[in-house]
Amino acid sequence: MTENTSKAQQTRARLLDAAVTAFADRGFHGTTTRDLAAAAGMSPAAVYVHYPSKEDLLYQLSLGGHRDTLAVVDEYDDPELAPAARLHRLIRGFSRHHAENHTTARVVNYELASLSPEHYTEIRQLRREIARRMRAVVDAGMASGDFATSDPRAVTLALLSMNIDIARWYDEGGSLSPEALSDAYADLALRMVEAAGRHSRTDPGTM
């Protein structure tokens, strides 16, 4: 890697960081290119050297954010576990991820309408894959008889929604730590699917 390449990557990362903060505070449409440039310590014209548009910055944030979320699902979904323990472990990881990365998660989940149609289609595919993976965990518990919910689709949507919404209200200065929140949400998930033997929880050390 050359020095120029390294500097360019650092500048792009600085712009992404500035975009996350600005979009979270002001919203996509309330943020100007001048705002982003000032936060990143460069001229407005220099922004376009690295990103062709403000929308492209949002797209890169959305792409990275959703890929990170899918990676969390990959990491914490263990099909070898019993259904209740499997769901508990997945929701612990999923909810903690949204709490610890709440600023980015708020932007990538609540600014979707600001993406171009082409970019939105790509992000929607990632969102559908995340939903498919969550539904697969619920369906596995239904097939084994460990879960008794009458509407797996609605429960899956509720599981996704309640965790994504963490990004909207979570406050790092509040009394609820990401760990405490993830425990509470994982326990709630078991109640939502009406899991038999709700005591089948994951060991906190496995996180």
N, C-alpha and C. Protein backbone atom coordinates (compact mmCIF):
# COMPACT_ATOMS: atom_id res chain seq x y z
N MET A 1 0.85 -1.19 0.00
CA MET A 1 0.00 0.00 0.00
C MET A 1 0.89 1.25 0.00
N THR A 2 0.67 2.15 -0.95
CA THR A 2 1.46 3.37 -1.02
C THR A 2 0.97 4.38 0.01
N GLU A 3 1.81 5.38 0.25
CA GLU A 3 1.44 6.41 1.22
C GLU A 3 0.22 7.17 0.75
N ASN A 4 0.13 7.45 -0.57
CA ASN A 4 -1.02 8.18 -1.10
C ASN A 4 -2.31 7.38 -0.95
N THR A 5 -2.21 6.06 -1.18
CA THR A 5 -3.39 5.20 -1.01
C THR A 5 -3.85 5.18 0.43
N SER A 6 -2.89 5.09 1.35
CA SER A 6 -3.21 5.08 2.77
C SER A 6 -3.90 6.38 3.19
N LYS A 7 -3.38 7.50 2.70
CA LYS A 7 -3.98 8.79 3.05
C LYS A 7 -5.38 8.91 2.48
N ALA A 8 -5.58 8.40 1.26
CA ALA A 8 -6.90 8.45 0.65
C ALA A 8 -7.91 7.62 1.44
N GLN A 9 -7.47 6.45 1.91
CA GLN A 9 -8.35 5.60 2.71
C GLN A 9 -8.69 6.27 4.03
N GLN A 10 -7.72 6.93 4.64
CA GLN A 10 -7.96 7.62 5.89
C GLN A 10 -8.94 8.77 5.69
N THR A 11 -8.81 9.47 4.57
CA THR A 11 -9.72 10.57 4.27
C THR A 11 -11.13 10.06 4.04
N ARG A 12 -11.26 8.95 3.32
CA ARG A 12 -12.58 8.37 3.09
C ARG A 12 -13.22 7.92 4.40
N ALA A 13 -12.41 7.34 5.26
CA ALA A 13 -12.93 6.91 6.56
C ALA A 13 -13.36 8.11 7.39
N ARG A 14 -12.60 9.19 7.31
CA ARG A 14 -12.94 10.41 8.06
C ARG A 14 -14.26 11.00 7.55
N LEU A 15 -14.47 10.95 6.26
CA LEU A 15 -15.72 11.44 5.68
C LEU A 15 -16.91 10.56 6.11
N LEU A 16 -16.70 9.26 6.14
CA LEU A 16 -17.77 8.36 6.59
C LEU A 16 -18.13 8.63 8.04
N ASP A 17 -17.12 8.84 8.88
CA ASP A 17 -17.38 9.15 10.28
C ASP A 17 -18.16 10.46 10.41
N ALA A 18 -17.76 11.44 9.62
CA ALA A 18 -18.46 12.73 9.65
C ALA A 18 -19.89 12.57 9.18
N ALA A 19 -20.10 11.73 8.16
CA ALA A 19 -21.44 11.51 7.63
C ALA A 19 -22.35 10.82 8.64
N VAL A 20 -21.82 9.84 9.35
CA VAL A 20 -22.61 9.14 10.37
C VAL A 20 -23.13 10.14 11.40
N THR A 21 -22.23 10.96 11.92
CA THR A 21 -22.61 11.92 12.95
C THR A 21 -23.60 12.95 12.42
N ALA A 22 -23.32 13.48 11.24
CA ALA A 22 -24.19 14.52 10.67
C ALA A 22 -25.56 13.98 10.30
N PHE A 23 -25.61 12.82 9.66
CA PHE A 23 -26.90 12.25 9.27
C PHE A 23 -27.72 11.87 10.49
N ALA A 24 -27.05 11.41 11.55
CA ALA A 24 -27.77 11.05 12.78
C ALA A 24 -28.32 12.29 13.48
N ASP A 25 -27.55 13.37 13.45
CA ASP A 25 -27.98 14.60 14.14
C ASP A 25 -28.98 15.41 13.34
N ARG A 26 -28.75 15.53 12.02
CA ARG A 26 -29.55 16.45 11.20
C ARG A 26 -30.45 15.75 10.20
N GLY A 27 -30.23 14.45 10.01
CA GLY A 27 -30.93 13.75 8.95
C GLY A 27 -30.20 13.94 7.63
N PHE A 28 -30.45 13.03 6.69
CA PHE A 28 -29.76 13.10 5.39
C PHE A 28 -30.06 14.42 4.68
N HIS A 29 -31.33 14.76 4.59
CA HIS A 29 -31.71 15.95 3.83
C HIS A 29 -31.35 17.24 4.56
N GLY A 30 -31.16 17.17 5.87
CA GLY A 30 -30.77 18.35 6.62
C GLY A 30 -29.27 18.59 6.65
N THR A 31 -28.52 17.69 6.05
CA THR A 31 -27.06 17.78 6.02
C THR A 31 -26.59 18.22 4.65
N THR A 32 -25.71 19.20 4.59
CA THR A 32 -25.16 19.66 3.33
C THR A 32 -23.75 19.10 3.13
N THR A 33 -23.30 19.14 1.90
CA THR A 33 -21.93 18.73 1.61
C THR A 33 -20.94 19.61 2.36
N ARG A 34 -21.30 20.89 2.51
CA ARG A 34 -20.44 21.81 3.26
C ARG A 34 -20.33 21.37 4.72
N ASP A 35 -21.43 20.89 5.29
CA ASP A 35 -21.39 20.37 6.67
C ASP A 35 -20.42 19.21 6.79
N LEU A 36 -20.50 18.30 5.83
CA LEU A 36 -19.63 17.12 5.85
C LEU A 36 -18.17 17.51 5.69
N ALA A 37 -17.92 18.43 4.77
CA ALA A 37 -16.55 18.86 4.53
C ALA A 37 -15.96 19.52 5.77
N ALA A 38 -16.75 20.38 6.41
CA ALA A 38 -16.26 21.07 7.60
C ALA A 38 -15.95 20.08 8.72
N ALA A 39 -16.83 19.09 8.90
CA ALA A 39 -16.61 18.09 9.95
C ALA A 39 -15.38 17.24 9.68
N ALA A 40 -15.10 17.03 8.39
CA ALA A 40 -13.94 16.20 8.02
C ALA A 40 -12.68 17.02 7.84
N GLY A 41 -12.78 18.34 7.95
CA GLY A 41 -11.61 19.20 7.84
C GLY A 41 -11.09 19.34 6.43
N MET A 42 -12.01 19.51 5.47
CA MET A 42 -11.60 19.68 4.08
C MET A 42 -12.56 20.63 3.38
N SER A 43 -12.24 20.97 2.15
CA SER A 43 -13.11 21.85 1.37
C SER A 43 -14.26 21.04 0.77
N PRO A 44 -15.40 21.68 0.49
CA PRO A 44 -16.53 20.97 -0.14
C PRO A 44 -16.14 20.29 -1.44
N ALA A 45 -15.29 20.95 -2.23
CA ALA A 45 -14.87 20.36 -3.51
C ALA A 45 -14.08 19.08 -3.30
N ALA A 46 -13.34 19.00 -2.19
CA ALA A 46 -12.51 17.83 -1.94
C ALA A 46 -13.35 16.60 -1.62
N VAL A 47 -14.57 16.82 -1.12
CA VAL A 47 -15.44 15.68 -0.82
C VAL A 47 -15.70 14.86 -2.08
N TYR A 48 -15.92 15.55 -3.19
CA TYR A 48 -16.27 14.86 -4.43
C TYR A 48 -15.10 14.09 -5.05
N VAL A 49 -13.91 14.34 -4.56
CA VAL A 49 -12.76 13.56 -5.01
C VAL A 49 -12.90 12.12 -4.51
N HIS A 50 -13.52 11.95 -3.36
CA HIS A 50 -13.60 10.64 -2.73
C HIS A 50 -14.98 10.00 -2.87
N TYR A 51 -16.03 10.81 -2.92
CA TYR A 51 -17.39 10.29 -3.09
C TYR A 51 -18.12 11.17 -4.10
N PRO A 52 -18.75 10.57 -5.09
CA PRO A 52 -19.39 11.35 -6.15
C PRO A 52 -20.59 12.17 -5.70
N SER A 53 -21.18 11.80 -4.56
CA SER A 53 -22.36 12.52 -4.10
C SER A 53 -22.59 12.25 -2.61
N LYS A 54 -23.43 13.07 -2.02
CA LYS A 54 -23.82 12.85 -0.63
C LYS A 54 -24.56 11.51 -0.50
N GLU A 55 -25.36 11.18 -1.50
CA GLU A 55 -26.09 9.92 -1.48
C GLU A 55 -25.15 8.73 -1.50
N ASP A 56 -24.02 8.86 -2.18
CA ASP A 56 -23.07 7.76 -2.22
C ASP A 56 -22.46 7.52 -0.84
N LEU A 57 -22.28 8.57 -0.08
CA LEU A 57 -21.81 8.40 1.30
C LEU A 57 -22.83 7.60 2.11
N LEU A 58 -24.10 7.94 1.95
CA LEU A 58 -25.16 7.21 2.65
C LEU A 58 -25.19 5.75 2.21
N TYR A 59 -25.01 5.52 0.92
CA TYR A 59 -25.00 4.16 0.41
C TYR A 59 -23.85 3.35 1.00
N GLN A 60 -22.67 3.92 1.05
CA GLN A 60 -21.52 3.21 1.61
C GLN A 60 -21.73 2.89 3.08
N LEU A 61 -22.32 3.83 3.82
CA LEU A 61 -22.65 3.57 5.21
C LEU A 61 -23.68 2.46 5.35
N SER A 62 -24.71 2.50 4.49
CA SER A 62 -25.77 1.49 4.53
C SER A 62 -25.23 0.12 4.16
N LEU A 63 -24.40 0.07 3.15
CA LEU A 63 -23.83 -1.21 2.72
C LEU A 63 -22.97 -1.81 3.82
N GLY A 64 -22.08 -1.00 4.38
CA GLY A 64 -21.22 -1.50 5.45
C GLY A 64 -22.00 -1.88 6.69
N GLY A 65 -22.99 -1.07 7.03
CA GLY A 65 -23.78 -1.34 8.22
C GLY A 65 -24.58 -2.62 8.12
N HIS A 66 -25.19 -2.86 6.97
CA HIS A 66 -25.99 -4.08 6.81
C HIS A 66 -25.11 -5.31 6.68
N ARG A 67 -23.96 -5.17 6.06
CA ARG A 67 -23.03 -6.30 6.00
C ARG A 67 -22.52 -6.65 7.40
N ASP A 68 -22.28 -5.63 8.21
CA ASP A 68 -21.85 -5.88 9.59
C ASP A 68 -22.94 -6.61 10.37
N THR A 69 -24.19 -6.21 10.16
CA THR A 69 -25.30 -6.86 10.86
C THR A 69 -25.44 -8.31 10.43
N LEU A 70 -25.29 -8.56 9.15
CA LEU A 70 -25.36 -9.94 8.66
C LEU A 70 -24.20 -10.76 9.23
N ALA A 71 -23.06 -10.14 9.39
CA ALA A 71 -21.91 -10.85 9.99
C ALA A 71 -22.20 -11.20 11.45
N VAL A 72 -22.93 -10.33 12.15
CA VAL A 72 -23.33 -10.62 13.54
C VAL A 72 -24.25 -11.84 13.57
N VAL A 73 -25.19 -11.89 12.63
CA VAL A 73 -26.08 -13.04 12.54
C VAL A 73 -25.27 -14.31 12.29
N ASP A 74 -24.32 -14.23 11.36
CA ASP A 74 -23.46 -15.39 11.08
C ASP A 74 -22.70 -15.84 12.32
N GLU A 75 -22.23 -14.87 13.10
CA GLU A 75 -21.42 -15.19 14.27
C GLU A 75 -22.23 -15.82 15.39
N TYR A 76 -23.43 -15.32 15.62
CA TYR A 76 -24.18 -15.74 16.81
C TYR A 76 -25.27 -16.77 16.55
N ASP A 77 -25.59 -17.04 15.31
CA ASP A 77 -26.57 -18.09 15.02
C ASP A 77 -25.86 -19.43 14.95
N ASP A 78 -26.15 -20.29 15.93
CA ASP A 78 -25.51 -21.60 16.00
C ASP A 78 -26.58 -22.69 15.86
N PRO A 79 -26.74 -23.24 14.65
CA PRO A 79 -27.77 -24.26 14.42
C PRO A 79 -27.60 -25.53 15.25
N GLU A 80 -26.43 -25.71 15.84
CA GLU A 80 -26.19 -26.90 16.66
C GLU A 80 -26.84 -26.79 18.04
N LEU A 81 -27.23 -25.60 18.45
CA LEU A 81 -27.86 -25.42 19.75
C LEU A 81 -29.33 -25.84 19.71
N ALA A 82 -29.87 -26.15 20.87
CA ALA A 82 -31.31 -26.37 20.98
C ALA A 82 -32.03 -25.07 20.59
N PRO A 83 -33.25 -25.15 20.04
CA PRO A 83 -33.93 -23.96 19.51
C PRO A 83 -33.98 -22.76 20.45
N ALA A 84 -34.35 -22.99 21.72
CA ALA A 84 -34.45 -21.86 22.65
C ALA A 84 -33.08 -21.22 22.89
N ALA A 85 -32.07 -22.04 23.10
CA ALA A 85 -30.72 -21.52 23.32
C ALA A 85 -30.20 -20.83 22.06
N ARG A 86 -30.56 -21.37 20.91
CA ARG A 86 -30.12 -20.77 19.64
C ARG A 86 -30.71 -19.38 19.47
N LEU A 87 -32.01 -19.24 19.69
CA LEU A 87 -32.65 -17.93 19.54
C LEU A 87 -32.14 -16.96 20.60
N HIS A 88 -31.97 -17.44 21.82
CA HIS A 88 -31.48 -16.59 22.90
C HIS A 88 -30.10 -16.03 22.56
N ARG A 89 -29.23 -16.88 22.07
CA ARG A 89 -27.87 -16.45 21.72
C ARG A 89 -27.88 -15.45 20.57
N LEU A 90 -28.70 -15.73 19.55
CA LEU A 90 -28.76 -14.84 18.40
C LEU A 90 -29.28 -13.47 18.79
N ILE A 91 -30.36 -13.42 19.56
CA ILE A 91 -30.93 -12.13 19.93
C ILE A 91 -30.00 -11.35 20.85
N ARG A 92 -29.26 -12.05 21.71
CA ARG A 92 -28.28 -11.35 22.55
C ARG A 92 -27.25 -10.62 21.68
N GLY A 93 -26.73 -11.33 20.69
CA GLY A 93 -25.74 -10.70 19.82
C GLY A 93 -26.34 -9.61 18.96
N PHE A 94 -27.54 -9.85 18.44
CA PHE A 94 -28.21 -8.92 17.54
C PHE A 94 -28.56 -7.62 18.26
N SER A 95 -29.12 -7.73 19.45
CA SER A 95 -29.52 -6.53 20.20
C SER A 95 -28.31 -5.75 20.70
N ARG A 96 -27.29 -6.46 21.17
CA ARG A 96 -26.10 -5.76 21.65
C ARG A 96 -25.41 -5.02 20.51
N HIS A 97 -25.40 -5.62 19.34
CA HIS A 97 -24.82 -4.95 18.17
C HIS A 97 -25.53 -3.63 17.90
N HIS A 98 -26.86 -3.62 17.96
CA HIS A 98 -27.61 -2.39 17.66
C HIS A 98 -27.44 -1.35 18.77
N ALA A 99 -27.21 -1.80 20.00
CA ALA A 99 -26.96 -0.85 21.09
C ALA A 99 -25.56 -0.24 20.98
N GLU A 100 -24.58 -1.07 20.76
CA GLU A 100 -23.20 -0.59 20.71
C GLU A 100 -22.92 0.25 19.47
N ASN A 101 -23.68 0.02 18.41
CA ASN A 101 -23.49 0.77 17.16
C ASN A 101 -24.75 1.56 16.81
N HIS A 102 -25.37 2.14 17.85
CA HIS A 102 -26.69 2.74 17.66
C HIS A 102 -26.69 3.94 16.72
N THR A 103 -25.61 4.71 16.69
CA THR A 103 -25.60 5.88 15.81
C THR A 103 -25.60 5.45 14.34
N THR A 104 -24.71 4.56 13.98
CA THR A 104 -24.68 4.05 12.61
C THR A 104 -25.96 3.32 12.28
N ALA A 105 -26.44 2.49 13.20
CA ALA A 105 -27.66 1.73 12.96
C ALA A 105 -28.86 2.64 12.72
N ARG A 106 -28.90 3.77 13.44
CA ARG A 106 -30.01 4.71 13.25
C ARG A 106 -29.99 5.29 11.83
N VAL A 107 -28.82 5.60 11.35
CA VAL A 107 -28.71 6.16 10.00
C VAL A 107 -29.08 5.13 8.94
N VAL A 108 -28.50 3.95 9.02
CA VAL A 108 -28.69 2.97 7.94
C VAL A 108 -30.10 2.37 7.94
N ASN A 109 -30.80 2.42 9.07
CA ASN A 109 -32.14 1.86 9.12
C ASN A 109 -33.25 2.89 8.90
N TYR A 110 -32.96 4.16 9.17
CA TYR A 110 -34.02 5.17 9.10
C TYR A 110 -33.81 6.19 7.98
N GLU A 111 -32.79 6.01 7.17
CA GLU A 111 -32.59 6.90 6.02
C GLU A 111 -32.68 6.13 4.70
N LEU A 112 -33.32 4.98 4.73
CA LEU A 112 -33.41 4.14 3.53
C LEU A 112 -34.07 4.86 2.36
N ALA A 113 -35.08 5.68 2.67
CA ALA A 113 -35.82 6.37 1.60
C ALA A 113 -34.96 7.37 0.85
N SER A 114 -33.82 7.73 1.42
CA SER A 114 -32.93 8.70 0.77
C SER A 114 -31.96 8.06 -0.20
N LEU A 115 -31.93 6.73 -0.26
CA LEU A 115 -31.06 6.04 -1.21
C LEU A 115 -31.65 6.10 -2.61
N SER A 116 -30.79 6.02 -3.61
CA SER A 116 -31.26 5.92 -4.98
C SER A 116 -31.97 4.58 -5.17
N PRO A 117 -32.86 4.47 -6.16
CA PRO A 117 -33.55 3.19 -6.38
C PRO A 117 -32.60 2.01 -6.53
N GLU A 118 -31.52 2.21 -7.26
CA GLU A 118 -30.55 1.13 -7.47
C GLU A 118 -29.89 0.71 -6.16
N HIS A 119 -29.47 1.69 -5.38
CA HIS A 119 -28.83 1.39 -4.11
C HIS A 119 -29.81 0.80 -3.11
N TYR A 120 -31.03 1.30 -3.12
CA TYR A 120 -32.05 0.76 -2.21
C TYR A 120 -32.32 -0.71 -2.50
N THR A 121 -32.36 -1.07 -3.78
CA THR A 121 -32.59 -2.46 -4.16
C THR A 121 -31.50 -3.36 -3.60
N GLU A 122 -30.26 -2.92 -3.66
CA GLU A 122 -29.15 -3.72 -3.14
C GLU A 122 -29.23 -3.86 -1.63
N ILE A 123 -29.54 -2.77 -0.94
CA ILE A 123 -29.65 -2.82 0.52
C ILE A 123 -30.84 -3.67 0.94
N ARG A 124 -31.93 -3.58 0.20
CA ARG A 124 -33.11 -4.37 0.52
C ARG A 124 -32.82 -5.86 0.45
N GLN A 125 -31.97 -6.27 -0.48
CA GLN A 125 -31.59 -7.69 -0.57
C GLN A 125 -30.86 -8.14 0.69
N LEU A 126 -30.00 -7.30 1.22
CA LEU A 126 -29.30 -7.63 2.46
C LEU A 126 -30.29 -7.70 3.63
N ARG A 127 -31.24 -6.79 3.65
CA ARG A 127 -32.23 -6.79 4.73
C ARG A 127 -33.10 -8.05 4.66
N ARG A 128 -33.43 -8.46 3.45
CA ARG A 128 -34.22 -9.67 3.29
C ARG A 128 -33.46 -10.90 3.74
N GLU A 129 -32.15 -10.91 3.51
CA GLU A 129 -31.34 -12.04 3.95
C GLU A 129 -31.26 -12.08 5.47
N ILE A 130 -31.13 -10.94 6.11
CA ILE A 130 -31.14 -10.89 7.57
C ILE A 130 -32.47 -11.42 8.10
N ALA A 131 -33.57 -10.97 7.48
CA ALA A 131 -34.89 -11.43 7.91
C ALA A 131 -35.06 -12.92 7.66
N ARG A 132 -34.54 -13.41 6.54
CA ARG A 132 -34.64 -14.83 6.23
C ARG A 132 -33.92 -15.66 7.27
N ARG A 133 -32.76 -15.20 7.69
CA ARG A 133 -31.99 -15.93 8.68
C ARG A 133 -32.71 -15.95 10.03
N MET A 134 -33.31 -14.83 10.41
CA MET A 134 -34.06 -14.79 11.66
C MET A 134 -35.28 -15.71 11.58
N ARG A 135 -35.96 -15.69 10.45
CA ARG A 135 -37.14 -16.54 10.28
C ARG A 135 -36.75 -18.02 10.34
N ALA A 136 -35.59 -18.36 9.82
CA ALA A 136 -35.14 -19.75 9.82
C ALA A 136 -34.98 -20.27 11.25
N VAL A 137 -34.53 -19.41 12.17
CA VAL A 137 -34.37 -19.80 13.56
C VAL A 137 -35.75 -20.05 14.19
N VAL A 138 -36.68 -19.17 13.91
CA VAL A 138 -38.04 -19.34 14.42
C VAL A 138 -38.68 -20.60 13.84
N ASP A 139 -38.53 -20.80 12.54
CA ASP A 139 -39.12 -21.97 11.89
C ASP A 139 -38.54 -23.27 12.44
N ALA A 140 -37.25 -23.27 12.73
CA ALA A 140 -36.62 -24.48 13.27
C ALA A 140 -37.22 -24.84 14.62
N GLY A 141 -37.48 -23.82 15.44
CA GLY A 141 -38.09 -24.08 16.73
C GLY A 141 -39.53 -24.54 16.61
N MET A 142 -40.23 -24.05 15.60
CA MET A 142 -41.61 -24.50 15.35
C MET A 142 -41.61 -25.95 14.89
N ALA A 143 -40.68 -26.29 14.00
CA ALA A 143 -40.62 -27.65 13.46
C ALA A 143 -40.30 -28.68 14.53
N SER A 144 -39.49 -28.28 15.51
CA SER A 144 -39.11 -29.21 16.57
C SER A 144 -40.14 -29.29 17.69
N GLY A 145 -41.10 -28.36 17.67
CA GLY A 145 -42.10 -28.33 18.72
C GLY A 145 -41.68 -27.53 19.94
N ASP A 146 -40.50 -26.89 19.89
CA ASP A 146 -40.02 -26.10 21.03
C ASP A 146 -40.68 -24.73 21.09
N PHE A 147 -41.12 -24.20 19.93
CA PHE A 147 -41.81 -22.92 19.89
C PHE A 147 -43.27 -23.18 19.56
N ALA A 148 -44.15 -22.33 20.11
CA ALA A 148 -45.58 -22.58 19.93
C ALA A 148 -46.33 -21.36 19.40
N THR A 149 -45.64 -20.38 18.87
CA THR A 149 -46.32 -19.19 18.37
C THR A 149 -47.26 -19.56 17.21
N SER A 150 -48.37 -18.87 17.13
CA SER A 150 -49.35 -19.16 16.07
C SER A 150 -49.02 -18.44 14.77
N ASP A 151 -48.10 -17.47 14.81
CA ASP A 151 -47.79 -16.69 13.61
C ASP A 151 -46.29 -16.43 13.53
N PRO A 152 -45.53 -17.38 13.01
CA PRO A 152 -44.06 -17.22 12.93
C PRO A 152 -43.63 -15.99 12.15
N ARG A 153 -44.36 -15.65 11.10
CA ARG A 153 -43.99 -14.47 10.30
C ARG A 153 -44.10 -13.20 11.13
N ALA A 154 -45.22 -13.04 11.85
CA ALA A 154 -45.41 -11.84 12.66
C ALA A 154 -44.38 -11.77 13.78
N VAL A 155 -44.07 -12.91 14.39
CA VAL A 155 -43.08 -12.93 15.46
C VAL A 155 -41.70 -12.56 14.93
N THR A 156 -41.36 -13.06 13.75
CA THR A 156 -40.07 -12.71 13.15
C THR A 156 -39.97 -11.21 12.90
N LEU A 157 -41.04 -10.63 12.35
CA LEU A 157 -41.05 -9.19 12.11
C LEU A 157 -40.93 -8.41 13.41
N ALA A 158 -41.58 -8.91 14.47
CA ALA A 158 -41.51 -8.24 15.76
C ALA A 158 -40.10 -8.33 16.35
N LEU A 159 -39.46 -9.49 16.22
CA LEU A 159 -38.09 -9.65 16.71
C LEU A 159 -37.14 -8.68 16.00
N LEU A 160 -37.28 -8.60 14.70
CA LEU A 160 -36.42 -7.68 13.93
C LEU A 160 -36.70 -6.23 14.31
N SER A 161 -37.97 -5.88 14.37
CA SER A 161 -38.35 -4.48 14.62
C SER A 161 -37.89 -4.00 15.99
N MET A 162 -38.10 -4.81 17.02
CA MET A 162 -37.76 -4.34 18.36
C MET A 162 -36.25 -4.16 18.52
N ASN A 163 -35.47 -4.98 17.82
CA ASN A 163 -34.02 -4.84 17.90
C ASN A 163 -33.51 -3.68 17.07
N ILE A 164 -34.04 -3.51 15.87
CA ILE A 164 -33.63 -2.39 15.04
C ILE A 164 -33.98 -1.06 15.71
N ASP A 165 -35.12 -1.03 16.39
CA ASP A 165 -35.57 0.21 17.02
C ASP A 165 -34.69 0.64 18.19
N ILE A 166 -33.85 -0.25 18.68
CA ILE A 166 -32.90 0.13 19.73
C ILE A 166 -32.08 1.34 19.28
N ALA A 167 -31.73 1.35 18.00
CA ALA A 167 -30.90 2.44 17.47
C ALA A 167 -31.58 3.79 17.58
N ARG A 168 -32.90 3.80 17.59
CA ARG A 168 -33.64 5.06 17.63
C ARG A 168 -33.60 5.70 19.02
N TRP A 169 -33.62 4.88 20.08
CA TRP A 169 -33.76 5.46 21.41
C TRP A 169 -32.59 5.22 22.35
N TYR A 170 -31.67 4.34 21.99
CA TYR A 170 -30.63 3.97 22.94
C TYR A 170 -29.73 5.15 23.29
N ASP A 171 -29.42 5.27 24.57
CA ASP A 171 -28.59 6.36 25.08
C ASP A 171 -27.43 5.76 25.88
N GLU A 172 -26.22 6.01 25.42
CA GLU A 172 -25.05 5.46 26.10
C GLU A 172 -24.94 5.95 27.54
N GLY A 173 -25.51 7.12 27.83
CA GLY A 173 -25.43 7.66 29.18
C GLY A 173 -26.54 7.17 30.08
N GLY A 174 -27.41 6.32 29.56
CA GLY A 174 -28.53 5.83 30.35
C GLY A 174 -28.12 4.73 31.31
N SER A 175 -29.09 4.21 32.02
CA SER A 175 -28.81 3.22 33.05
C SER A 175 -28.72 1.80 32.51
N LEU A 176 -29.09 1.61 31.24
CA LEU A 176 -29.14 0.26 30.66
C LEU A 176 -27.91 0.03 29.78
N SER A 177 -27.05 -0.88 30.20
CA SER A 177 -25.86 -1.19 29.41
C SER A 177 -26.23 -2.09 28.24
N PRO A 178 -25.40 -2.15 27.20
CA PRO A 178 -25.68 -3.07 26.10
C PRO A 178 -25.83 -4.51 26.56
N GLU A 179 -25.05 -4.91 27.56
CA GLU A 179 -25.13 -6.29 28.06
C GLU A 179 -26.46 -6.55 28.75
N ALA A 180 -26.89 -5.62 29.60
CA ALA A 180 -28.17 -5.78 30.29
C ALA A 180 -29.32 -5.76 29.30
N LEU A 181 -29.24 -4.88 28.34
CA LEU A 181 -30.28 -4.80 27.32
C LEU A 181 -30.36 -6.09 26.52
N SER A 182 -29.21 -6.63 26.13
CA SER A 182 -29.21 -7.84 25.32
C SER A 182 -29.78 -9.03 26.10
N ASP A 183 -29.50 -9.10 27.38
CA ASP A 183 -30.08 -10.16 28.21
C ASP A 183 -31.60 -10.04 28.26
N ALA A 184 -32.08 -8.83 28.48
CA ALA A 184 -33.52 -8.61 28.58
C ALA A 184 -34.23 -8.92 27.26
N TYR A 185 -33.63 -8.51 26.16
CA TYR A 185 -34.26 -8.74 24.86
C TYR A 185 -34.23 -10.22 24.48
N ALA A 186 -33.17 -10.91 24.86
CA ALA A 186 -33.09 -12.34 24.56
C ALA A 186 -34.15 -13.11 25.35
N ASP A 187 -34.35 -12.73 26.61
CA ASP A 187 -35.39 -13.36 27.42
C ASP A 187 -36.77 -13.06 26.84
N LEU A 188 -36.97 -11.82 26.40
CA LEU A 188 -38.24 -11.42 25.80
C LEU A 188 -38.52 -12.22 24.53
N ALA A 189 -37.48 -12.46 23.74
CA ALA A 189 -37.64 -13.23 22.50
C ALA A 189 -38.19 -14.62 22.78
N LEU A 190 -37.71 -15.26 23.84
CA LEU A 190 -38.20 -16.59 24.19
C LEU A 190 -39.68 -16.56 24.58
N ARG A 191 -40.09 -15.48 25.25
CA ARG A 191 -41.50 -15.37 25.59
C ARG A 191 -42.34 -15.13 24.34
N MET A 192 -41.79 -14.40 23.40
CA MET A 192 -42.55 -14.09 22.18
C MET A 192 -42.82 -15.33 21.33
N VAL A 193 -41.89 -16.26 21.33
CA VAL A 193 -42.11 -17.49 20.55
C VAL A 193 -42.74 -18.58 21.39
N GLU A 194 -43.09 -18.24 22.64
CA GLU A 194 -43.70 -19.19 23.56
C GLU A 194 -42.84 -20.45 23.67
N ALA A 195 -41.56 -20.22 23.94
CA ALA A 195 -40.61 -21.33 24.00
C ALA A 195 -40.86 -22.23 25.20
N ALA A 196 -40.82 -23.51 24.94
CA ALA A 196 -40.90 -24.49 26.03
C ALA A 196 -39.54 -24.53 26.72
N GLY A 197 -39.54 -24.59 28.04
CA GLY A 197 -38.27 -24.65 28.77
C GLY A 197 -37.49 -23.37 28.59
N ARG A 198 -38.08 -22.24 28.96
CA ARG A 198 -37.44 -20.95 28.75
C ARG A 198 -36.13 -20.79 29.49
N HIS A 199 -35.86 -21.71 30.41
CA HIS A 199 -34.60 -21.64 31.14
C HIS A 199 -33.41 -21.97 30.25
N SER A 200 -33.68 -22.47 29.03
CA SER A 200 -32.59 -22.86 28.11
C SER A 200 -31.93 -21.61 27.56
N ARG A 201 -31.07 -21.03 28.35
CA ARG A 201 -30.41 -19.79 27.98
C ARG A 201 -28.94 -20.04 27.68
N THR A 202 -28.35 -19.11 26.98
CA THR A 202 -26.93 -19.23 26.69
C THR A 202 -26.12 -18.72 27.87
N ASP A 203 -24.98 -19.32 28.06
CA ASP A 203 -24.06 -18.88 29.11
C ASP A 203 -23.52 -17.50 28.72
N PRO A 204 -23.61 -16.49 29.61
CA PRO A 204 -23.08 -15.16 29.27
C PRO A 204 -21.66 -15.19 28.78
N GLY A 205 -20.90 -16.18 29.19
CA GLY A 205 -19.51 -16.26 28.75
C GLY A 205 -19.35 -16.60 27.30
N THR A 206 -20.42 -17.08 26.64
CA THR A 206 -20.31 -17.46 25.24
C THR A 206 -20.38 -16.26 24.32
N MET A 207 -20.72 -15.10 24.83
CA MET A 207 -20.78 -13.91 24.00
C MET A 207 -19.39 -13.41 23.71
